[in-house]
Amino acid sequence: MSSLRTLIAPVSSFSSSSLYHRQVIKRPMDLSTVLSKLRAYAYPQVRDLLSDLLLVLENAKHFNPPRHPVHVAACALKVR
């Protein structure tokens, strides 16, 4: 489950892959941002929340190769 931890926080702007990540991922989203928006009542409808959650998973799959633990975890979560 340690691979799921990478979905929790935004990609650090100081990481070596940060620039590449920003080039590949056009609409970044992470679970901590989702939680903040949820606590701030920023989701007018459930489908808006679901959209952000699916975006987290899609970004994880798009950025990481198919056999990477993060990609695998995102696939597993999306199936459920």
PDB file of N, CA and C in Angstrom:
ATOM      1  N   MET A   1       0.800  -1.206   0.000  1.00  0.00           N
ATOM      2  CA  MET A   1       0.000   0.000   0.000  1.00  0.00           C
ATOM      3  C   MET A   1       0.845   1.274   0.000  1.00  0.00           C
ATOM      4  N   SER A   2       2.153   1.158   0.108  1.00  0.00           N
ATOM      5  CA  SER A   2       2.992   2.354   0.114  1.00  0.00           C
ATOM      6  C   SER A   2       2.881   3.110  -1.212  1.00  0.00           C
ATOM      7  N   SER A   3       2.560   2.412  -2.298  1.00  0.00           N
ATOM      8  CA  SER A   3       2.409   3.093  -3.580  1.00  0.00           C
ATOM      9  C   SER A   3       1.220   4.039  -3.577  1.00  0.00           C
ATOM     10  N   LEU A   4       0.230   3.779  -2.746  1.00  0.00           N
ATOM     11  CA  LEU A   4      -0.927   4.667  -2.663  1.00  0.00           C
ATOM     12  C   LEU A   4      -0.579   5.986  -2.003  1.00  0.00           C
ATOM     13  N   ARG A   5       0.458   5.993  -1.187  1.00  0.00           N
ATOM     14  CA  ARG A   5       0.867   7.235  -0.515  1.00  0.00           C
ATOM     15  C   ARG A   5       1.243   8.314  -1.515  1.00  0.00           C
ATOM     16  N   THR A   6       1.720   7.918  -2.670  1.00  0.00           N
ATOM     17  CA  THR A   6       2.111   8.903  -3.681  1.00  0.00           C
ATOM     18  C   THR A   6       0.906   9.629  -4.263  1.00  0.00           C
ATOM     19  N   LEU A   7      -0.287   9.089  -4.080  1.00  0.00           N
ATOM     20  CA  LEU A   7      -1.494   9.742  -4.577  1.00  0.00           C
ATOM     21  C   LEU A   7      -2.023  10.792  -3.601  1.00  0.00           C
ATOM     22  N   ILE A   8      -1.493  10.782  -2.393  1.00  0.00           N
ATOM     23  CA  ILE A   8      -2.046  11.624  -1.339  1.00  0.00           C
ATOM     24  C   ILE A   8      -1.644  13.082  -1.468  1.00  0.00           C
ATOM     25  N   ALA A   9      -0.390  13.347  -1.734  1.00  0.00           N
ATOM     26  CA  ALA A   9       0.111  14.729  -1.768  1.00  0.00           C
ATOM     27  C   ALA A   9       0.459  15.154  -3.193  1.00  0.00           C
ATOM     28  N   PRO A  10       0.428  16.455  -3.446  1.00  0.00           N
ATOM     29  CA  PRO A  10       0.841  16.939  -4.765  1.00  0.00           C
ATOM     30  C   PRO A  10       2.310  16.610  -5.030  1.00  0.00           C
ATOM     31  N   VAL A  11       2.665  16.535  -6.291  1.00  0.00           N
ATOM     32  CA  VAL A  11       4.061  16.308  -6.654  1.00  0.00           C
ATOM     33  C   VAL A  11       4.867  17.507  -6.187  1.00  0.00           C
ATOM     34  N   SER A  12       5.936  17.247  -5.500  1.00  0.00           N
ATOM     35  CA  SER A  12       6.774  18.325  -4.969  1.00  0.00           C
ATOM     36  C   SER A  12       7.388  19.127  -6.102  1.00  0.00           C
ATOM     37  N   SER A  13       7.362  20.430  -5.967  1.00  0.00           N
ATOM     38  CA  SER A  13       7.961  21.271  -6.999  1.00  0.00           C
ATOM     39  C   SER A  13       9.485  21.195  -6.960  1.00  0.00           C
ATOM     40  N   PHE A  14      10.011  20.553  -5.930  1.00  0.00           N
ATOM     41  CA  PHE A  14      11.462  20.413  -5.803  1.00  0.00           C
ATOM     42  C   PHE A  14      11.970  19.062  -6.284  1.00  0.00           C
ATOM     43  N   SER A  15      11.073  18.153  -6.642  1.00  0.00           N
ATOM     44  CA  SER A  15      11.520  16.829  -7.058  1.00  0.00           C
ATOM     45  C   SER A  15      12.119  16.894  -8.464  1.00  0.00           C
ATOM     46  N   SER A  16      12.973  15.944  -8.763  1.00  0.00           N
ATOM     47  CA  SER A  16      13.651  15.942 -10.054  1.00  0.00           C
ATOM     48  C   SER A  16      12.679  15.692 -11.201  1.00  0.00           C
ATOM     49  N   SER A  17      11.585  15.002 -10.924  1.00  0.00           N
ATOM     50  CA  SER A  17      10.624  14.713 -11.990  1.00  0.00           C
ATOM     51  C   SER A  17       9.491  15.738 -12.061  1.00  0.00           C
ATOM     52  N   SER A  18       9.559  16.772 -11.225  1.00  0.00           N
ATOM     53  CA  SER A  18       8.477  17.749 -11.147  1.00  0.00           C
ATOM     54  C   SER A  18       8.211  18.459 -12.475  1.00  0.00           C
ATOM     55  N   LEU A  19       9.243  18.932 -13.129  1.00  0.00           N
ATOM     56  CA  LEU A  19       9.074  19.632 -14.398  1.00  0.00           C
ATOM     57  C   LEU A  19       8.465  18.702 -15.432  1.00  0.00           C
ATOM     58  N   TYR A  20       8.994  17.497 -15.522  1.00  0.00           N
ATOM     59  CA  TYR A  20       8.454  16.517 -16.462  1.00  0.00           C
ATOM     60  C   TYR A  20       6.996  16.213 -16.126  1.00  0.00           C
ATOM     61  N   HIS A  21       6.701  16.066 -14.845  1.00  0.00           N
ATOM     62  CA  HIS A  21       5.333  15.773 -14.411  1.00  0.00           C
ATOM     63  C   HIS A  21       4.380  16.879 -14.856  1.00  0.00           C
ATOM     64  N   ARG A  22       4.790  18.129 -14.704  1.00  0.00           N
ATOM     65  CA  ARG A  22       3.938  19.252 -15.111  1.00  0.00           C
ATOM     66  C   ARG A  22       3.739  19.298 -16.620  1.00  0.00           C
ATOM     67  N   GLN A  23       4.704  18.793 -17.369  1.00  0.00           N
ATOM     68  CA  GLN A  23       4.557  18.756 -18.823  1.00  0.00           C
ATOM     69  C   GLN A  23       3.597  17.652 -19.256  1.00  0.00           C
ATOM     70  N   VAL A  24       3.598  16.550 -18.541  1.00  0.00           N
ATOM     71  CA  VAL A  24       2.781  15.388 -18.909  1.00  0.00           C
ATOM     72  C   VAL A  24       1.361  15.510 -18.369  1.00  0.00           C
ATOM     73  N   ILE A  25       1.234  15.945 -17.133  1.00  0.00           N
ATOM     74  CA  ILE A  25      -0.072  16.018 -16.474  1.00  0.00           C
ATOM     75  C   ILE A  25      -0.607  17.444 -16.583  1.00  0.00           C
ATOM     76  N   LYS A  26      -1.641  17.617 -17.379  1.00  0.00           N
ATOM     77  CA  LYS A  26      -2.176  18.959 -17.637  1.00  0.00           C
ATOM     78  C   LYS A  26      -3.116  19.434 -16.536  1.00  0.00           C
ATOM     79  N   ARG A  27      -3.778  18.511 -15.860  1.00  0.00           N
ATOM     80  CA  ARG A  27      -4.705  18.870 -14.778  1.00  0.00           C
ATOM     81  C   ARG A  27      -4.320  18.088 -13.526  1.00  0.00           C
ATOM     82  N   PRO A  28      -3.335  18.553 -12.770  1.00  0.00           N
ATOM     83  CA  PRO A  28      -2.905  17.810 -11.583  1.00  0.00           C
ATOM     84  C   PRO A  28      -3.998  17.770 -10.515  1.00  0.00           C
ATOM     85  N   MET A  29      -4.047  16.649  -9.810  1.00  0.00           N
ATOM     86  CA  MET A  29      -4.986  16.486  -8.702  1.00  0.00           C
ATOM     87  C   MET A  29      -4.422  15.406  -7.798  1.00  0.00           C
ATOM     88  N   ASP A  30      -4.623  15.570  -6.493  1.00  0.00           N
ATOM     89  CA  ASP A  30      -4.158  14.597  -5.512  1.00  0.00           C
ATOM     90  C   ASP A  30      -5.209  14.482  -4.425  1.00  0.00           C
ATOM     91  N   LEU A  31      -5.087  13.467  -3.611  1.00  0.00           N
ATOM     92  CA  LEU A  31      -6.104  13.198  -2.601  1.00  0.00           C
ATOM     93  C   LEU A  31      -6.150  14.254  -1.496  1.00  0.00           C
ATOM     94  N   SER A  32      -5.021  14.868  -1.183  1.00  0.00           N
ATOM     95  CA  SER A  32      -5.055  15.917  -0.151  1.00  0.00           C
ATOM     96  C   SER A  32      -5.813  17.144  -0.655  1.00  0.00           C
ATOM     97  N   THR A  33      -5.701  17.446  -1.929  1.00  0.00           N
ATOM     98  CA  THR A  33      -6.466  18.546  -2.503  1.00  0.00           C
ATOM     99  C   THR A  33      -7.952  18.215  -2.521  1.00  0.00           C
ATOM    100  N   VAL A  34      -8.270  16.976  -2.864  1.00  0.00           N
ATOM    101  CA  VAL A  34      -9.666  16.531  -2.843  1.00  0.00           C
ATOM    102  C   VAL A  34     -10.234  16.688  -1.430  1.00  0.00           C
ATOM    103  N   LEU A  35      -9.486  16.251  -0.434  1.00  0.00           N
ATOM    104  CA  LEU A  35      -9.943  16.355   0.952  1.00  0.00           C
ATOM    105  C   LEU A  35     -10.136  17.817   1.361  1.00  0.00           C
ATOM    106  N   SER A  36      -9.210  18.676   0.974  1.00  0.00           N
ATOM    107  CA  SER A  36      -9.340  20.106   1.289  1.00  0.00           C
ATOM    108  C   SER A  36     -10.587  20.700   0.649  1.00  0.00           C
ATOM    109  N   LYS A  37     -10.822  20.346  -0.600  1.00  0.00           N
ATOM    110  CA  LYS A  37     -12.005  20.842  -1.292  1.00  0.00           C
ATOM    111  C   LYS A  37     -13.281  20.298  -0.652  1.00  0.00           C
ATOM    112  N   LEU A  38     -13.227  19.056  -0.219  1.00  0.00           N
ATOM    113  CA  LEU A  38     -14.384  18.449   0.432  1.00  0.00           C
ATOM    114  C   LEU A  38     -14.693  19.164   1.748  1.00  0.00           C
ATOM    115  N   ARG A  39     -13.666  19.426   2.529  1.00  0.00           N
ATOM    116  CA  ARG A  39     -13.848  20.129   3.812  1.00  0.00           C
ATOM    117  C   ARG A  39     -14.334  21.562   3.623  1.00  0.00           C
ATOM    118  N   ALA A  40     -13.997  22.155   2.479  1.00  0.00           N
ATOM    119  CA  ALA A  40     -14.412  23.535   2.194  1.00  0.00           C
ATOM    120  C   ALA A  40     -15.754  23.586   1.452  1.00  0.00           C
ATOM    121  N   TYR A  41     -16.404  22.446   1.337  1.00  0.00           N
ATOM    122  CA  TYR A  41     -17.682  22.361   0.618  1.00  0.00           C
ATOM    123  C   TYR A  41     -17.565  22.906  -0.801  1.00  0.00           C
ATOM    124  N   ALA A  42     -16.448  22.606  -1.441  1.00  0.00           N
ATOM    125  CA  ALA A  42     -16.184  23.114  -2.794  1.00  0.00           C
ATOM    126  C   ALA A  42     -16.756  22.224  -3.894  1.00  0.00           C
ATOM    127  N   TYR A  43     -17.388  21.138  -3.511  1.00  0.00           N
ATOM    128  CA  TYR A  43     -18.013  20.257  -4.496  1.00  0.00           C
ATOM    129  C   TYR A  43     -19.524  20.466  -4.464  1.00  0.00           C
ATOM    130  N   PRO A  44     -20.064  21.164  -5.467  1.00  0.00           N
ATOM    131  CA  PRO A  44     -21.498  21.412  -5.466  1.00  0.00           C
ATOM    132  C   PRO A  44     -22.324  20.128  -5.632  1.00  0.00           C
ATOM    133  N   GLN A  45     -21.749  19.159  -6.333  1.00  0.00           N
ATOM    134  CA  GLN A  45     -22.465  17.903  -6.563  1.00  0.00           C
ATOM    135  C   GLN A  45     -21.498  16.741  -6.394  1.00  0.00           C
ATOM    136  N   VAL A  46     -22.047  15.575  -6.120  1.00  0.00           N
ATOM    137  CA  VAL A  46     -21.231  14.378  -5.928  1.00  0.00           C
ATOM    138  C   VAL A  46     -20.418  14.071  -7.178  1.00  0.00           C
ATOM    139  N   ARG A  47     -20.983  14.332  -8.324  1.00  0.00           N
ATOM    140  CA  ARG A  47     -20.253  14.029  -9.569  1.00  0.00           C
ATOM    141  C   ARG A  47     -18.983  14.861  -9.694  1.00  0.00           C
ATOM    142  N   ASP A  48     -18.950  16.055  -9.081  1.00  0.00           N
ATOM    143  CA  ASP A  48     -17.739  16.877  -9.097  1.00  0.00           C
ATOM    144  C   ASP A  48     -16.636  16.241  -8.256  1.00  0.00           C
ATOM    145  N   LEU A  49     -17.019  15.697  -7.118  1.00  0.00           N
ATOM    146  CA  LEU A  49     -16.076  14.964  -6.276  1.00  0.00           C
ATOM    147  C   LEU A  49     -15.570  13.738  -7.009  1.00  0.00           C
ATOM    148  N   LEU A  50     -16.479  12.985  -7.592  1.00  0.00           N
ATOM    149  CA  LEU A  50     -16.095  11.787  -8.334  1.00  0.00           C
ATOM    150  C   LEU A  50     -15.159  12.118  -9.488  1.00  0.00           C
ATOM    151  N   SER A  51     -15.407  13.222 -10.146  1.00  0.00           N
ATOM    152  CA  SER A  51     -14.552  13.648 -11.253  1.00  0.00           C
ATOM    153  C   SER A  51     -13.111  13.877 -10.789  1.00  0.00           C
ATOM    154  N   ASP A  52     -12.940  14.552  -9.656  1.00  0.00           N
ATOM    155  CA  ASP A  52     -11.592  14.779  -9.131  1.00  0.00           C
ATOM    156  C   ASP A  52     -10.939  13.474  -8.687  1.00  0.00           C
ATOM    157  N   LEU A  53     -11.700  12.593  -8.063  1.00  0.00           N
ATOM    158  CA  LEU A  53     -11.135  11.306  -7.645  1.00  0.00           C
ATOM    159  C   LEU A  53     -10.680  10.486  -8.848  1.00  0.00           C
ATOM    160  N   LEU A  54     -11.486  10.468  -9.878  1.00  0.00           N
ATOM    161  CA  LEU A  54     -11.091   9.749 -11.092  1.00  0.00           C
ATOM    162  C   LEU A  54      -9.898  10.406 -11.767  1.00  0.00           C
ATOM    163  N   LEU A  55      -9.812  11.725 -11.685  1.00  0.00           N
ATOM    164  CA  LEU A  55      -8.662  12.437 -12.246  1.00  0.00           C
ATOM    165  C   LEU A  55      -7.365  12.035 -11.541  1.00  0.00           C
ATOM    166  N   VAL A  56      -7.417  11.866 -10.229  1.00  0.00           N
ATOM    167  CA  VAL A  56      -6.241  11.401  -9.480  1.00  0.00           C
ATOM    168  C   VAL A  56      -5.771  10.062 -10.050  1.00  0.00           C
ATOM    169  N   LEU A  57      -6.712   9.147 -10.243  1.00  0.00           N
ATOM    170  CA  LEU A  57      -6.364   7.813 -10.729  1.00  0.00           C
ATOM    171  C   LEU A  57      -5.884   7.851 -12.177  1.00  0.00           C
ATOM    172  N   GLU A  58      -6.556   8.626 -13.011  1.00  0.00           N
ATOM    173  CA  GLU A  58      -6.137   8.724 -14.412  1.00  0.00           C
ATOM    174  C   GLU A  58      -4.746   9.339 -14.542  1.00  0.00           C
ATOM    175  N   ASN A  59      -4.472  10.369 -13.754  1.00  0.00           N
ATOM    176  CA  ASN A  59      -3.140  10.987 -13.780  1.00  0.00           C
ATOM    177  C   ASN A  59      -2.069   9.987 -13.349  1.00  0.00           C
ATOM    178  N   ALA A  60      -2.376   9.205 -12.322  1.00  0.00           N
ATOM    179  CA  ALA A  60      -1.417   8.208 -11.841  1.00  0.00           C
ATOM    180  C   ALA A  60      -1.133   7.174 -12.918  1.00  0.00           C
ATOM    181  N   LYS A  61      -2.169   6.778 -13.614  1.00  0.00           N
ATOM    182  CA  LYS A  61      -1.981   5.788 -14.690  1.00  0.00           C
ATOM    183  C   LYS A  61      -1.257   6.389 -15.882  1.00  0.00           C
ATOM    184  N   HIS A  62      -1.555   7.644 -16.186  1.00  0.00           N
ATOM    185  CA  HIS A  62      -0.939   8.294 -17.341  1.00  0.00           C
ATOM    186  C   HIS A  62       0.551   8.556 -17.121  1.00  0.00           C
ATOM    187  N   PHE A  63       0.917   8.945 -15.922  1.00  0.00           N
ATOM    188  CA  PHE A  63       2.298   9.328 -15.642  1.00  0.00           C
ATOM    189  C   PHE A  63       3.212   8.130 -15.402  1.00  0.00           C
ATOM    190  N   ASN A  64       2.681   7.056 -14.817  1.00  0.00           N
ATOM    191  CA  ASN A  64       3.493   5.896 -14.443  1.00  0.00           C
ATOM    192  C   ASN A  64       3.299   4.757 -15.430  1.00  0.00           C
ATOM    193  N   PRO A  65       4.370   4.047 -15.758  1.00  0.00           N
ATOM    194  CA  PRO A  65       4.250   2.934 -16.702  1.00  0.00           C
ATOM    195  C   PRO A  65       3.360   1.817 -16.133  1.00  0.00           C
ATOM    196  N   PRO A  66       2.786   0.992 -17.001  1.00  0.00           N
ATOM    197  CA  PRO A  66       1.803  -0.017 -16.591  1.00  0.00           C
ATOM    198  C   PRO A  66       2.199  -0.935 -15.432  1.00  0.00           C
ATOM    199  N   ARG A  67       3.432  -1.297 -15.303  1.00  0.00           N
ATOM    200  CA  ARG A  67       3.814  -2.221 -14.225  1.00  0.00           C
ATOM    201  C   ARG A  67       4.312  -1.513 -12.964  1.00  0.00           C
ATOM    202  N   HIS A  68       4.322  -0.209 -12.994  1.00  0.00           N
ATOM    203  CA  HIS A  68       4.740   0.565 -11.821  1.00  0.00           C
ATOM    204  C   HIS A  68       3.695   0.382 -10.718  1.00  0.00           C
ATOM    205  N   PRO A  69       4.120   0.256  -9.452  1.00  0.00           N
ATOM    206  CA  PRO A  69       3.167   0.045  -8.357  1.00  0.00           C
ATOM    207  C   PRO A  69       2.072   1.117  -8.257  1.00  0.00           C
ATOM    208  N   VAL A  70       2.387   2.360  -8.590  1.00  0.00           N
ATOM    209  CA  VAL A  70       1.379   3.421  -8.537  1.00  0.00           C
ATOM    210  C   VAL A  70       0.326   3.206  -9.624  1.00  0.00           C
ATOM    211  N   HIS A  71       0.755   2.844 -10.808  1.00  0.00           N
ATOM    212  CA  HIS A  71      -0.176   2.561 -11.911  1.00  0.00           C
ATOM    213  C   HIS A  71      -1.075   1.382 -11.548  1.00  0.00           C
ATOM    214  N   VAL A  72      -0.468   0.338 -11.019  1.00  0.00           N
ATOM    215  CA  VAL A  72      -1.218  -0.859 -10.619  1.00  0.00           C
ATOM    216  C   VAL A  72      -2.239  -0.512  -9.531  1.00  0.00           C
ATOM    217  N   ALA A  73      -1.821   0.274  -8.538  1.00  0.00           N
ATOM    218  CA  ALA A  73      -2.727   0.666  -7.460  1.00  0.00           C
ATOM    219  C   ALA A  73      -3.886   1.507  -7.991  1.00  0.00           C
ATOM    220  N   ALA A  74      -3.603   2.414  -8.913  1.00  0.00           N
ATOM    221  CA  ALA A  74      -4.662   3.250  -9.496  1.00  0.00           C
ATOM    222  C   ALA A  74      -5.662   2.387 -10.257  1.00  0.00           C
ATOM    223  N   CYS A  75      -5.174   1.413 -10.989  1.00  0.00           N
ATOM    224  CA  CYS A  75      -6.066   0.495 -11.700  1.00  0.00           C
ATOM    225  C   CYS A  75      -6.931  -0.288 -10.721  1.00  0.00           C
ATOM    226  N   ALA A  76      -6.329  -0.765  -9.650  1.00  0.00           N
ATOM    227  CA  ALA A  76      -7.065  -1.546  -8.652  1.00  0.00           C
ATOM    228  C   ALA A  76      -8.150  -0.702  -7.982  1.00  0.00           C
ATOM    229  N   LEU A  77      -7.843   0.543  -7.674  1.00  0.00           N
ATOM    230  CA  LEU A  77      -8.824   1.419  -7.039  1.00  0.00           C
ATOM    231  C   LEU A  77      -9.958   1.774  -7.992  1.00  0.00           C
ATOM    232  N   LYS A  78      -9.636   1.965  -9.258  1.00  0.00           N
ATOM    233  CA  LYS A  78     -10.665   2.352 -10.222  1.00  0.00           C
ATOM    234  C   LYS A  78     -11.660   1.233 -10.456  1.00  0.00           C
ATOM    235  N   VAL A  79     -11.215  -0.010 -10.357  1.00  0.00           N
ATOM    236  CA  VAL A  79     -12.096  -1.159 -10.564  1.00  0.00           C
ATOM    237  C   VAL A  79     -13.114  -1.255  -9.455  1.00  0.00           C
ATOM    238  N   ARG A  80     -12.719  -0.917  -8.246  1.00  0.00           N
ATOM    239  CA  ARG A  80     -13.608  -1.052  -7.097  1.00  0.00           C
ATOM    240  C   ARG A  80     -14.655  -0.047  -7.168  1.00  0.00           C
TER     241      ARG A  80
END
